[in-house]
N, C-alpha and C. Protein backbone atom coordinates (compact mmCIF):
# COMPACT_ATOMS: atom_id res chain seq x y z
N MET A 1 92.23 110.26 84.72
CA MET A 1 92.76 111.57 84.21
C MET A 1 92.66 111.67 82.68
N ALA A 2 91.99 112.69 82.18
CA ALA A 2 91.76 112.86 80.72
C ALA A 2 93.02 112.99 80.00
N GLY A 3 93.08 112.43 78.79
CA GLY A 3 94.24 112.53 77.90
C GLY A 3 94.57 113.96 77.60
N GLN A 4 95.82 114.22 77.49
CA GLN A 4 96.27 115.58 77.08
C GLN A 4 96.69 115.57 75.60
N GLN A 5 96.85 116.79 75.04
CA GLN A 5 97.45 116.99 73.78
C GLN A 5 98.98 117.23 73.99
N VAL A 6 99.82 116.25 73.41
CA VAL A 6 101.21 116.33 73.59
C VAL A 6 101.91 116.38 72.29
N MET A 7 102.94 117.28 72.15
CA MET A 7 103.71 117.33 70.92
C MET A 7 105.03 116.78 71.26
N VAL A 8 105.48 115.84 70.41
CA VAL A 8 106.76 115.22 70.66
C VAL A 8 107.68 115.63 69.41
N ILE A 9 108.82 116.27 69.64
CA ILE A 9 109.67 116.78 68.63
C ILE A 9 110.99 115.94 68.68
N GLY A 10 111.31 115.39 67.51
CA GLY A 10 112.47 114.52 67.49
C GLY A 10 112.11 113.07 67.62
N LEU A 11 112.13 112.29 66.59
CA LEU A 11 111.62 110.93 66.48
C LEU A 11 112.78 109.87 66.46
N GLY A 12 113.84 110.08 67.16
CA GLY A 12 114.87 109.07 67.27
C GLY A 12 114.22 107.96 68.14
N ARG A 13 115.15 107.10 68.67
CA ARG A 13 114.66 106.02 69.53
C ARG A 13 113.96 106.42 70.75
N PHE A 14 114.39 107.44 71.39
CA PHE A 14 113.82 108.02 72.62
C PHE A 14 112.44 108.66 72.31
N GLY A 15 112.44 109.57 71.35
CA GLY A 15 111.25 110.31 71.01
C GLY A 15 110.15 109.40 70.50
N SER A 16 110.53 108.44 69.61
CA SER A 16 109.49 107.52 69.13
C SER A 16 108.92 106.61 70.29
N ALA A 17 109.79 106.19 71.15
CA ALA A 17 109.21 105.37 72.23
C ALA A 17 108.34 106.13 73.09
N VAL A 18 108.75 107.42 73.38
CA VAL A 18 107.82 108.30 74.21
C VAL A 18 106.50 108.56 73.52
N ALA A 19 106.56 108.83 72.23
CA ALA A 19 105.30 109.15 71.46
C ALA A 19 104.40 107.86 71.47
N ARG A 20 104.95 106.76 71.17
CA ARG A 20 104.03 105.60 71.13
C ARG A 20 103.44 105.30 72.46
N GLU A 21 104.20 105.39 73.55
CA GLU A 21 103.75 105.06 74.95
C GLU A 21 102.65 106.09 75.34
N LEU A 22 102.82 107.35 75.00
CA LEU A 22 101.83 108.35 75.34
C LEU A 22 100.57 108.10 74.58
N GLU A 23 100.63 107.65 73.39
CA GLU A 23 99.43 107.42 72.62
C GLU A 23 98.76 106.23 73.24
N LYS A 24 99.48 105.20 73.67
CA LYS A 24 98.84 104.02 74.30
C LYS A 24 98.21 104.43 75.60
N LEU A 25 98.71 105.43 76.29
CA LEU A 25 98.15 105.91 77.64
C LEU A 25 96.95 106.77 77.42
N GLY A 26 96.58 106.97 76.21
CA GLY A 26 95.26 107.73 75.87
C GLY A 26 95.48 109.23 75.64
N HIS A 27 96.67 109.73 75.34
CA HIS A 27 96.93 111.08 75.04
C HIS A 27 96.90 111.24 73.49
N GLN A 28 96.66 112.48 73.07
CA GLN A 28 96.67 112.73 71.64
C GLN A 28 98.00 113.31 71.36
N VAL A 29 98.71 112.59 70.45
CA VAL A 29 100.16 112.88 70.18
C VAL A 29 100.35 113.42 68.77
N LEU A 30 101.02 114.57 68.67
CA LEU A 30 101.55 115.12 67.45
C LEU A 30 103.00 114.87 67.46
N ALA A 31 103.48 114.05 66.54
CA ALA A 31 104.95 113.69 66.45
C ALA A 31 105.55 114.47 65.30
N ILE A 32 106.69 115.03 65.51
CA ILE A 32 107.26 115.94 64.52
C ILE A 32 108.80 115.59 64.37
N ASP A 33 109.24 115.59 63.14
CA ASP A 33 110.66 115.29 62.84
C ASP A 33 111.04 115.80 61.42
N ARG A 34 112.31 116.19 61.30
CA ARG A 34 112.68 116.61 59.91
C ARG A 34 112.73 115.51 58.94
N SER A 35 112.91 114.21 59.40
CA SER A 35 113.10 113.13 58.52
C SER A 35 111.72 112.55 58.10
N GLU A 36 111.52 112.52 56.81
CA GLU A 36 110.23 111.94 56.29
C GLU A 36 110.13 110.46 56.56
N LEU A 37 111.30 109.73 56.54
CA LEU A 37 111.29 108.36 56.89
C LEU A 37 110.83 108.09 58.34
N ARG A 38 111.28 108.87 59.34
CA ARG A 38 110.94 108.72 60.74
C ARG A 38 109.45 109.04 60.92
N VAL A 39 108.98 110.11 60.27
CA VAL A 39 107.59 110.47 60.38
C VAL A 39 106.71 109.40 59.80
N ASN A 40 107.02 108.89 58.67
CA ASN A 40 106.21 107.85 58.03
C ASN A 40 106.19 106.54 58.89
N ASP A 41 107.33 106.23 59.45
CA ASP A 41 107.35 105.04 60.25
C ASP A 41 106.51 105.10 61.55
N LEU A 42 106.43 106.31 62.14
CA LEU A 42 105.70 106.51 63.36
C LEU A 42 104.23 106.85 63.09
N ALA A 43 103.85 107.32 61.97
CA ALA A 43 102.51 107.85 61.74
C ALA A 43 101.32 106.92 62.10
N PRO A 44 101.46 105.60 61.81
CA PRO A 44 100.36 104.72 62.12
C PRO A 44 100.11 104.60 63.66
N ASP A 45 101.10 104.96 64.51
CA ASP A 45 101.03 104.71 65.97
C ASP A 45 100.59 105.99 66.72
N VAL A 46 100.43 107.10 66.03
CA VAL A 46 100.22 108.29 66.84
C VAL A 46 98.99 109.02 66.17
N THR A 47 98.44 110.06 66.92
CA THR A 47 97.29 110.74 66.36
C THR A 47 97.61 111.49 65.03
N HIS A 48 98.77 112.20 65.09
CA HIS A 48 99.23 112.87 63.89
C HIS A 48 100.80 112.90 63.90
N ALA A 49 101.24 112.94 62.60
CA ALA A 49 102.73 112.99 62.52
C ALA A 49 103.11 113.93 61.37
N LEU A 50 103.97 114.89 61.53
CA LEU A 50 104.28 115.88 60.58
C LEU A 50 105.82 115.94 60.35
N GLN A 51 106.18 116.22 59.09
CA GLN A 51 107.57 116.42 58.75
C GLN A 51 107.80 117.94 58.71
N LEU A 52 108.60 118.53 59.63
CA LEU A 52 108.92 119.95 59.52
C LEU A 52 110.11 120.23 60.43
N ASP A 53 110.69 121.44 60.26
CA ASP A 53 111.79 121.87 60.98
C ASP A 53 111.22 122.54 62.28
N ALA A 54 111.51 121.91 63.46
CA ALA A 54 110.90 122.40 64.71
C ALA A 54 111.61 123.66 65.17
N SER A 55 112.75 124.14 64.59
CA SER A 55 113.28 125.37 64.97
C SER A 55 112.79 126.50 64.24
N ASP A 56 111.83 126.19 63.29
CA ASP A 56 111.08 127.18 62.47
C ASP A 56 109.86 127.62 63.23
N GLU A 57 109.79 128.80 63.78
CA GLU A 57 108.67 129.27 64.57
C GLU A 57 107.37 129.23 63.80
N ASP A 58 107.44 129.79 62.59
CA ASP A 58 106.32 129.88 61.76
C ASP A 58 105.68 128.50 61.35
N ALA A 59 106.58 127.44 61.25
CA ALA A 59 106.06 126.15 60.90
C ALA A 59 105.39 125.59 62.10
N LEU A 60 106.03 125.75 63.34
CA LEU A 60 105.36 125.19 64.54
C LEU A 60 104.05 125.93 64.84
N ARG A 61 104.03 127.15 64.62
CA ARG A 61 102.79 127.89 64.81
C ARG A 61 101.66 127.49 63.92
N SER A 62 102.02 127.15 62.62
CA SER A 62 101.05 126.70 61.64
C SER A 62 100.59 125.30 62.06
N ALA A 63 101.45 124.54 62.75
CA ALA A 63 101.08 123.15 63.21
C ALA A 63 100.14 123.18 64.41
N GLY A 64 99.92 124.33 64.99
CA GLY A 64 99.20 124.56 66.20
C GLY A 64 99.85 124.30 67.49
N ALA A 65 101.16 124.46 67.46
CA ALA A 65 101.93 124.21 68.71
C ALA A 65 101.45 124.89 69.92
N GLY A 66 100.97 126.17 69.74
CA GLY A 66 100.54 126.90 70.82
C GLY A 66 99.24 126.44 71.54
N ASP A 67 98.58 125.49 70.91
CA ASP A 67 97.43 124.93 71.51
C ASP A 67 97.70 123.70 72.41
N PHE A 68 99.00 123.24 72.37
CA PHE A 68 99.29 121.94 73.07
C PHE A 68 99.59 122.26 74.58
N GLN A 69 99.27 121.42 75.49
CA GLN A 69 99.55 121.53 76.86
C GLN A 69 101.00 121.27 77.16
N THR A 70 101.52 120.25 76.53
CA THR A 70 102.87 119.78 76.68
C THR A 70 103.62 119.61 75.46
N GLY A 71 104.90 119.97 75.45
CA GLY A 71 105.80 119.82 74.35
C GLY A 71 107.02 119.11 74.82
N ILE A 72 107.32 117.98 74.22
CA ILE A 72 108.54 117.18 74.57
C ILE A 72 109.55 117.33 73.44
N VAL A 73 110.72 117.90 73.74
CA VAL A 73 111.81 118.13 72.73
C VAL A 73 112.77 116.89 73.01
N ALA A 74 112.68 115.98 72.11
CA ALA A 74 113.41 114.67 72.30
C ALA A 74 114.76 114.74 71.47
N ILE A 75 115.26 115.84 71.03
CA ILE A 75 116.44 115.93 70.29
C ILE A 75 117.59 116.18 71.27
N SER A 76 118.60 115.42 71.15
CA SER A 76 119.82 115.67 71.96
C SER A 76 121.12 115.44 71.11
N SER A 77 121.04 114.83 70.02
CA SER A 77 122.25 114.56 69.18
C SER A 77 122.76 115.86 68.57
N ALA A 78 121.87 116.86 68.44
CA ALA A 78 122.31 118.22 67.92
C ALA A 78 121.74 119.16 68.90
N THR A 79 122.63 119.98 69.48
CA THR A 79 122.16 120.81 70.58
C THR A 79 121.45 122.08 70.07
N GLU A 80 121.90 122.66 69.03
CA GLU A 80 121.14 123.91 68.51
C GLU A 80 119.67 123.62 68.17
N PRO A 81 119.40 122.56 67.40
CA PRO A 81 117.90 122.38 67.12
C PRO A 81 117.07 122.20 68.38
N SER A 82 117.61 121.53 69.41
CA SER A 82 116.81 121.27 70.57
C SER A 82 116.63 122.55 71.36
N ILE A 83 117.62 123.39 71.38
CA ILE A 83 117.61 124.68 72.08
C ILE A 83 116.60 125.59 71.39
N PHE A 84 116.68 125.68 70.05
CA PHE A 84 115.73 126.56 69.37
C PHE A 84 114.29 126.00 69.49
N ALA A 85 114.12 124.74 69.37
CA ALA A 85 112.78 124.10 69.44
C ALA A 85 112.18 124.46 70.79
N THR A 86 113.00 124.36 71.90
CA THR A 86 112.53 124.66 73.25
C THR A 86 112.16 126.12 73.34
N MET A 87 112.97 126.93 72.84
CA MET A 87 112.64 128.41 72.93
C MET A 87 111.39 128.72 72.14
N VAL A 88 111.23 128.14 70.97
CA VAL A 88 110.03 128.45 70.11
C VAL A 88 108.79 127.95 70.83
N LEU A 89 108.78 126.70 71.52
CA LEU A 89 107.58 126.26 72.18
C LEU A 89 107.21 127.23 73.31
N LYS A 90 108.21 127.65 74.07
CA LYS A 90 107.90 128.62 75.12
C LYS A 90 107.38 129.93 74.62
N ARG A 91 107.92 130.36 73.50
CA ARG A 91 107.44 131.63 72.91
C ARG A 91 106.05 131.50 72.37
N LEU A 92 105.67 130.33 71.99
CA LEU A 92 104.30 130.07 71.50
C LEU A 92 103.28 129.83 72.61
N GLY A 93 103.78 129.76 73.85
CA GLY A 93 102.91 129.68 74.98
C GLY A 93 102.57 128.27 75.42
N VAL A 94 103.48 127.27 75.05
CA VAL A 94 103.16 125.90 75.53
C VAL A 94 103.62 125.85 77.04
N PRO A 95 102.65 125.62 77.99
CA PRO A 95 102.91 125.75 79.36
C PRO A 95 103.92 124.77 80.01
N ASN A 96 104.00 123.57 79.41
CA ASN A 96 104.94 122.52 79.98
C ASN A 96 105.81 122.05 78.86
N VAL A 97 107.08 122.40 78.96
CA VAL A 97 108.05 121.91 77.98
C VAL A 97 109.11 121.10 78.65
N ILE A 98 109.18 119.85 78.19
CA ILE A 98 110.15 118.86 78.68
C ILE A 98 111.19 118.60 77.58
N ALA A 99 112.49 118.71 77.96
CA ALA A 99 113.49 118.63 76.94
C ALA A 99 114.53 117.60 77.38
N LYS A 100 114.96 116.88 76.39
CA LYS A 100 116.07 115.89 76.63
C LYS A 100 117.39 116.51 76.35
N ALA A 101 118.29 116.25 77.34
CA ALA A 101 119.72 116.80 77.15
C ALA A 101 120.67 115.69 77.09
N GLY A 102 121.79 115.92 76.27
CA GLY A 102 122.78 114.92 76.13
C GLY A 102 123.92 115.15 77.01
N SER A 103 123.98 116.27 77.76
CA SER A 103 125.07 116.58 78.70
C SER A 103 124.58 117.56 79.73
N ARG A 104 125.34 117.76 80.83
CA ARG A 104 124.94 118.74 81.90
C ARG A 104 124.92 120.13 81.29
N LEU A 105 125.96 120.50 80.41
CA LEU A 105 125.89 121.84 79.86
C LEU A 105 124.75 122.08 79.01
N HIS A 106 124.41 121.09 78.17
CA HIS A 106 123.16 121.09 77.27
C HIS A 106 122.01 121.34 78.17
N GLY A 107 121.86 120.57 79.23
CA GLY A 107 120.74 120.73 80.11
C GLY A 107 120.61 122.05 80.80
N GLU A 108 121.74 122.59 81.14
CA GLU A 108 121.74 123.87 81.83
C GLU A 108 121.25 125.02 80.76
N ILE A 109 121.64 124.86 79.50
CA ILE A 109 121.23 125.88 78.46
C ILE A 109 119.68 125.72 78.24
N LEU A 110 119.25 124.41 78.19
CA LEU A 110 117.82 124.25 77.98
C LEU A 110 117.00 124.81 79.09
N SER A 111 117.48 124.67 80.34
CA SER A 111 116.76 125.35 81.49
C SER A 111 116.68 126.78 81.33
N ARG A 112 117.83 127.37 80.97
CA ARG A 112 117.93 128.85 80.81
C ARG A 112 117.11 129.38 79.75
N VAL A 113 116.84 128.61 78.62
CA VAL A 113 116.00 129.14 77.60
C VAL A 113 114.50 128.80 77.88
N GLY A 114 114.18 128.22 78.94
CA GLY A 114 112.73 128.09 79.32
C GLY A 114 112.19 126.65 79.50
N ALA A 115 113.05 125.59 79.38
CA ALA A 115 112.52 124.25 79.61
C ALA A 115 112.00 124.08 81.06
N ASP A 116 110.80 123.66 81.21
CA ASP A 116 110.24 123.40 82.51
C ASP A 116 110.81 122.22 83.22
N ARG A 117 111.24 121.22 82.40
CA ARG A 117 111.92 120.11 82.97
C ARG A 117 112.93 119.56 81.93
N VAL A 118 114.12 119.16 82.41
CA VAL A 118 115.16 118.69 81.59
C VAL A 118 115.43 117.25 82.03
N VAL A 119 115.49 116.25 81.03
CA VAL A 119 115.72 114.84 81.40
C VAL A 119 117.05 114.41 80.70
N PHE A 120 117.73 113.51 81.35
CA PHE A 120 118.98 113.02 80.92
C PHE A 120 118.86 111.51 80.79
N PRO A 121 118.15 111.01 79.80
CA PRO A 121 117.97 109.46 79.82
C PRO A 121 119.21 108.64 79.81
N GLU A 122 120.24 109.04 79.07
CA GLU A 122 121.41 108.20 78.98
C GLU A 122 122.10 108.30 80.35
N LEU A 123 122.27 109.46 80.97
CA LEU A 123 122.95 109.56 82.24
C LEU A 123 122.22 108.69 83.30
N GLU A 124 120.81 108.88 83.34
CA GLU A 124 120.01 108.24 84.35
C GLU A 124 120.10 106.71 84.19
N THR A 125 120.12 106.29 82.87
CA THR A 125 120.29 104.79 82.64
C THR A 125 121.62 104.38 83.16
N GLY A 126 122.66 105.14 82.93
CA GLY A 126 123.97 104.84 83.37
C GLY A 126 124.07 104.68 84.86
N LEU A 127 123.45 105.70 85.53
CA LEU A 127 123.48 105.60 87.00
C LEU A 127 122.76 104.38 87.55
N ARG A 128 121.63 104.06 86.90
CA ARG A 128 120.83 102.86 87.38
C ARG A 128 121.68 101.60 87.10
N LEU A 129 122.39 101.51 85.99
CA LEU A 129 123.15 100.35 85.69
C LEU A 129 124.33 100.27 86.69
N ALA A 130 125.00 101.33 86.92
CA ALA A 130 126.16 101.37 87.84
C ALA A 130 125.70 100.88 89.21
N HIS A 131 124.58 101.36 89.67
CA HIS A 131 124.20 100.94 91.03
C HIS A 131 123.64 99.51 91.13
N SER A 132 123.30 98.90 89.99
CA SER A 132 122.81 97.52 89.98
C SER A 132 123.77 96.56 89.44
N PHE A 133 124.89 97.04 88.84
CA PHE A 133 125.87 96.16 88.23
C PHE A 133 126.44 95.10 89.11
N HIS A 134 126.24 93.81 88.70
CA HIS A 134 126.81 92.69 89.30
C HIS A 134 126.43 92.63 90.80
N VAL A 135 125.23 93.16 91.12
CA VAL A 135 124.68 93.00 92.44
C VAL A 135 123.38 92.20 92.31
N PRO A 136 123.38 90.89 92.55
CA PRO A 136 122.24 90.04 92.17
C PRO A 136 120.97 90.44 92.80
N ASN A 137 120.96 91.00 94.03
CA ASN A 137 119.73 91.38 94.73
C ASN A 137 119.13 92.74 94.19
N VAL A 138 119.86 93.60 93.59
CA VAL A 138 119.39 94.86 93.19
C VAL A 138 118.67 94.74 91.83
N ILE A 139 117.42 95.22 91.73
CA ILE A 139 116.75 95.12 90.52
C ILE A 139 116.79 96.44 89.81
N ASP A 140 116.60 97.56 90.47
CA ASP A 140 116.60 98.95 89.89
C ASP A 140 116.97 99.97 90.97
N TYR A 141 117.43 101.11 90.45
CA TYR A 141 117.84 102.22 91.26
C TYR A 141 117.43 103.51 90.68
N LEU A 142 116.96 104.44 91.56
CA LEU A 142 116.48 105.71 91.05
C LEU A 142 117.16 106.80 91.89
N ASP A 143 117.95 107.63 91.20
CA ASP A 143 118.57 108.83 91.85
C ASP A 143 117.59 109.89 92.29
N VAL A 144 117.50 110.19 93.52
CA VAL A 144 116.50 111.12 94.07
C VAL A 144 117.20 112.48 94.27
N ALA A 145 118.38 112.48 94.91
CA ALA A 145 119.10 113.73 95.21
C ALA A 145 120.59 113.27 95.32
N PRO A 146 121.58 114.25 95.42
CA PRO A 146 122.91 113.80 95.55
C PRO A 146 123.12 112.86 96.79
N ASN A 147 123.69 111.64 96.46
CA ASN A 147 123.96 110.62 97.47
C ASN A 147 122.74 110.12 98.12
N PHE A 148 121.60 110.14 97.43
CA PHE A 148 120.31 109.64 98.03
C PHE A 148 119.48 109.06 96.94
N GLY A 149 118.85 107.88 97.22
CA GLY A 149 118.17 107.25 96.14
C GLY A 149 117.22 106.22 96.62
N ILE A 150 116.42 105.62 95.68
CA ILE A 150 115.49 104.64 95.91
C ILE A 150 115.90 103.35 95.11
N GLU A 151 115.83 102.24 95.84
CA GLU A 151 116.30 101.06 95.29
C GLU A 151 115.32 99.89 95.44
N LYS A 152 115.14 99.13 94.38
CA LYS A 152 114.18 98.02 94.46
C LYS A 152 115.10 96.83 94.53
N ILE A 153 114.94 95.95 95.55
CA ILE A 153 115.80 94.80 95.62
C ILE A 153 114.95 93.48 95.89
N ARG A 154 115.58 92.41 95.60
CA ARG A 154 115.07 91.19 96.02
C ARG A 154 115.61 90.91 97.47
N PRO A 155 114.77 90.82 98.40
CA PRO A 155 115.25 90.67 99.79
C PRO A 155 116.34 89.55 99.96
N PRO A 156 117.44 89.82 100.63
CA PRO A 156 118.42 88.77 100.89
C PRO A 156 117.84 87.66 101.66
N ARG A 157 118.48 86.51 101.51
CA ARG A 157 117.96 85.30 102.19
C ARG A 157 117.67 85.43 103.64
N PRO A 158 118.45 86.19 104.44
CA PRO A 158 118.21 86.38 105.84
C PRO A 158 116.95 87.08 106.14
N PHE A 159 116.43 87.87 105.17
CA PHE A 159 115.15 88.67 105.37
C PHE A 159 113.94 87.81 105.31
N VAL A 160 114.01 86.72 104.51
CA VAL A 160 112.79 85.92 104.16
C VAL A 160 112.38 85.26 105.48
N GLY A 161 110.99 85.41 105.68
CA GLY A 161 110.38 84.87 106.90
C GLY A 161 110.28 85.86 108.04
N LYS A 162 111.07 86.93 107.87
CA LYS A 162 110.97 87.87 109.03
C LYS A 162 109.97 89.00 108.66
N THR A 163 109.43 89.71 109.72
CA THR A 163 108.57 90.80 109.48
C THR A 163 109.49 92.03 109.36
N LEU A 164 108.89 93.10 108.77
CA LEU A 164 109.64 94.40 108.68
C LEU A 164 110.04 94.94 110.07
N GLY A 165 109.12 94.65 111.06
CA GLY A 165 109.37 95.15 112.35
C GLY A 165 110.56 94.35 112.94
N GLU A 166 110.73 93.04 112.67
CA GLU A 166 111.81 92.40 113.16
C GLU A 166 113.14 92.84 112.47
N LEU A 167 113.07 93.18 111.25
CA LEU A 167 114.30 93.61 110.48
C LEU A 167 114.63 94.98 110.95
N ASP A 168 113.61 95.89 111.22
CA ASP A 168 113.90 97.24 111.76
C ASP A 168 114.94 97.99 110.91
N LEU A 169 114.73 98.04 109.58
CA LEU A 169 115.69 98.55 108.68
C LEU A 169 115.99 100.04 108.91
N LYS A 170 115.10 100.76 109.42
CA LYS A 170 115.20 102.15 109.59
C LYS A 170 116.24 102.46 110.77
N THR A 171 116.16 101.68 111.81
CA THR A 171 117.07 101.83 112.95
C THR A 171 118.41 101.19 112.67
N ARG A 172 118.38 99.99 112.12
CA ARG A 172 119.57 99.16 111.98
C ARG A 172 120.40 99.52 110.73
N ALA A 173 119.66 99.98 109.65
CA ALA A 173 120.42 100.28 108.40
C ALA A 173 120.23 101.67 107.87
N GLY A 174 119.35 102.45 108.54
CA GLY A 174 119.14 103.77 107.99
C GLY A 174 118.36 103.87 106.77
N LEU A 175 117.48 102.79 106.47
CA LEU A 175 116.77 102.73 105.27
C LEU A 175 115.30 102.60 105.62
N THR A 176 114.46 103.23 104.75
CA THR A 176 112.99 103.14 105.02
C THR A 176 112.31 102.40 103.92
N PRO A 177 111.57 101.23 104.30
CA PRO A 177 110.81 100.60 103.24
C PRO A 177 109.60 101.36 102.83
N ILE A 178 109.47 101.65 101.59
CA ILE A 178 108.26 102.50 101.13
C ILE A 178 107.28 101.66 100.29
N ALA A 179 107.70 100.47 99.90
CA ALA A 179 106.67 99.70 99.17
C ALA A 179 107.19 98.18 99.16
N LEU A 180 106.19 97.32 99.11
CA LEU A 180 106.50 95.89 98.95
C LEU A 180 105.71 95.37 97.82
N ARG A 181 106.34 94.63 96.96
CA ARG A 181 105.62 94.03 95.77
C ARG A 181 105.63 92.50 95.94
N ARG A 182 104.50 91.99 95.82
CA ARG A 182 104.31 90.48 95.87
C ARG A 182 103.46 90.06 94.66
N GLY A 183 104.12 89.52 93.70
CA GLY A 183 103.41 89.16 92.50
C GLY A 183 102.88 90.48 91.83
N LYS A 184 101.55 90.63 91.52
CA LYS A 184 100.99 91.76 90.93
C LYS A 184 100.49 92.76 91.90
N SER A 185 100.59 92.43 93.21
CA SER A 185 100.09 93.28 94.31
C SER A 185 101.27 94.18 94.86
N VAL A 186 100.95 95.38 94.98
CA VAL A 186 101.97 96.34 95.56
C VAL A 186 101.34 96.98 96.88
N THR A 187 102.09 96.91 97.97
CA THR A 187 101.71 97.50 99.22
C THR A 187 102.53 98.76 99.44
N VAL A 188 101.93 99.92 99.45
CA VAL A 188 102.67 101.09 99.74
C VAL A 188 102.68 101.38 101.30
N ASN A 189 103.92 101.80 101.74
CA ASN A 189 104.15 102.00 103.14
C ASN A 189 103.77 100.74 103.97
N PRO A 190 104.37 99.65 103.72
CA PRO A 190 104.00 98.40 104.29
C PRO A 190 104.14 98.40 105.84
N ALA A 191 103.23 97.70 106.55
CA ALA A 191 103.21 97.75 108.02
C ALA A 191 104.33 96.92 108.57
N ARG A 192 104.75 97.17 109.84
CA ARG A 192 105.89 96.51 110.46
C ARG A 192 105.56 94.99 110.50
N GLU A 193 104.24 94.66 110.55
CA GLU A 193 103.88 93.32 110.77
C GLU A 193 103.92 92.48 109.46
N GLU A 194 104.25 93.19 108.33
CA GLU A 194 104.28 92.55 106.98
C GLU A 194 105.46 91.57 107.03
N ARG A 195 105.28 90.30 106.62
CA ARG A 195 106.30 89.30 106.64
C ARG A 195 106.89 89.08 105.21
N ILE A 196 108.12 89.16 105.09
CA ILE A 196 108.80 89.05 103.84
C ILE A 196 108.77 87.53 103.39
N ALA A 197 108.32 87.44 102.11
CA ALA A 197 108.25 86.05 101.55
C ALA A 197 109.18 85.82 100.37
N GLU A 198 109.48 84.60 100.04
CA GLU A 198 110.34 84.31 98.87
C GLU A 198 109.64 84.93 97.66
N GLY A 199 110.48 85.68 96.83
CA GLY A 199 109.95 86.21 95.53
C GLY A 199 109.49 87.66 95.64
N ASP A 200 109.43 88.11 96.93
CA ASP A 200 109.05 89.54 97.10
C ASP A 200 110.03 90.52 96.59
N GLU A 201 109.54 91.76 96.27
CA GLU A 201 110.50 92.78 95.88
C GLU A 201 110.21 93.88 96.87
N LEU A 202 111.27 94.48 97.44
CA LEU A 202 111.25 95.45 98.47
C LEU A 202 111.87 96.77 97.94
N ILE A 203 111.08 97.89 98.12
CA ILE A 203 111.56 99.19 97.67
C ILE A 203 111.98 100.02 98.80
N LEU A 204 113.22 100.43 98.82
CA LEU A 204 113.85 101.16 99.95
C LEU A 204 114.28 102.54 99.53
N ILE A 205 114.21 103.55 100.45
CA ILE A 205 114.74 104.79 100.25
C ILE A 205 115.77 105.16 101.35
N GLY A 206 116.85 105.78 100.90
CA GLY A 206 117.87 106.23 101.86
C GLY A 206 119.11 106.65 101.19
N GLN A 207 120.16 106.99 102.03
CA GLN A 207 121.36 107.40 101.44
C GLN A 207 122.12 106.26 100.70
N ASP A 208 122.87 106.75 99.71
CA ASP A 208 123.57 105.67 98.87
C ASP A 208 124.49 104.85 99.62
N ASP A 209 125.20 105.37 100.58
CA ASP A 209 126.12 104.57 101.37
C ASP A 209 125.41 103.49 102.18
N LYS A 210 124.26 103.85 102.70
CA LYS A 210 123.35 102.91 103.44
C LYS A 210 122.91 101.79 102.54
N LEU A 211 122.46 102.15 101.37
CA LEU A 211 122.00 101.19 100.38
C LEU A 211 123.18 100.23 99.96
N GLU A 212 124.34 100.86 99.83
CA GLU A 212 125.52 100.05 99.42
C GLU A 212 125.88 99.14 100.52
N ALA A 213 125.73 99.52 101.76
CA ALA A 213 126.03 98.66 102.94
C ALA A 213 125.12 97.40 102.97
N LEU A 214 123.85 97.70 102.56
CA LEU A 214 122.89 96.52 102.59
C LEU A 214 123.25 95.60 101.54
N ARG A 215 123.76 96.03 100.42
CA ARG A 215 124.10 95.08 99.35
C ARG A 215 125.28 94.19 99.77
N GLY A 216 126.26 94.81 100.54
CA GLY A 216 127.42 94.07 100.91
C GLY A 216 127.17 92.86 101.82
């Protein structure tokens, strides 16, 4: 997939990390912040970095914002600037605007002013931590829908040496194995004949209460 032109507005820890990673992935990144210090710090790592007020429509127009395929508004510490920046990007014709929200209300407002996607990094991180807290076998958790998620686990000791067919997790536990990782190799939709080995990582999808039961 060819690299895209992406504008990242707000160069705090989240925005800077996103901008650097997008650049590494081959995209052309224009990073914007009101802070000269943040802009100078990130400038060597992205295609372009500019100091300007992203709520200023004329300034963003002059920066060529309307030519970008994607705009990421990574401001959440101050709601008004992020809302105005989102509105301006949509007004300038940016087809895909992703905005970071600090709260549910903030996210709802961002959606209403035109954000195509709203992300909640702190909330999502908190959910993942809560689902894996003090559970040795759980490596990570992803919320998919209310009371429904994807979990990556280290198979419990009784799983090792058995095939997925023998475990029959869908029937016995209401969970569906969607991938199996063994070292650097990942098998998507593993076959029932696949035998679980020590050190494997199993990715399951299902209702949260079913995932919780498996942990217990």
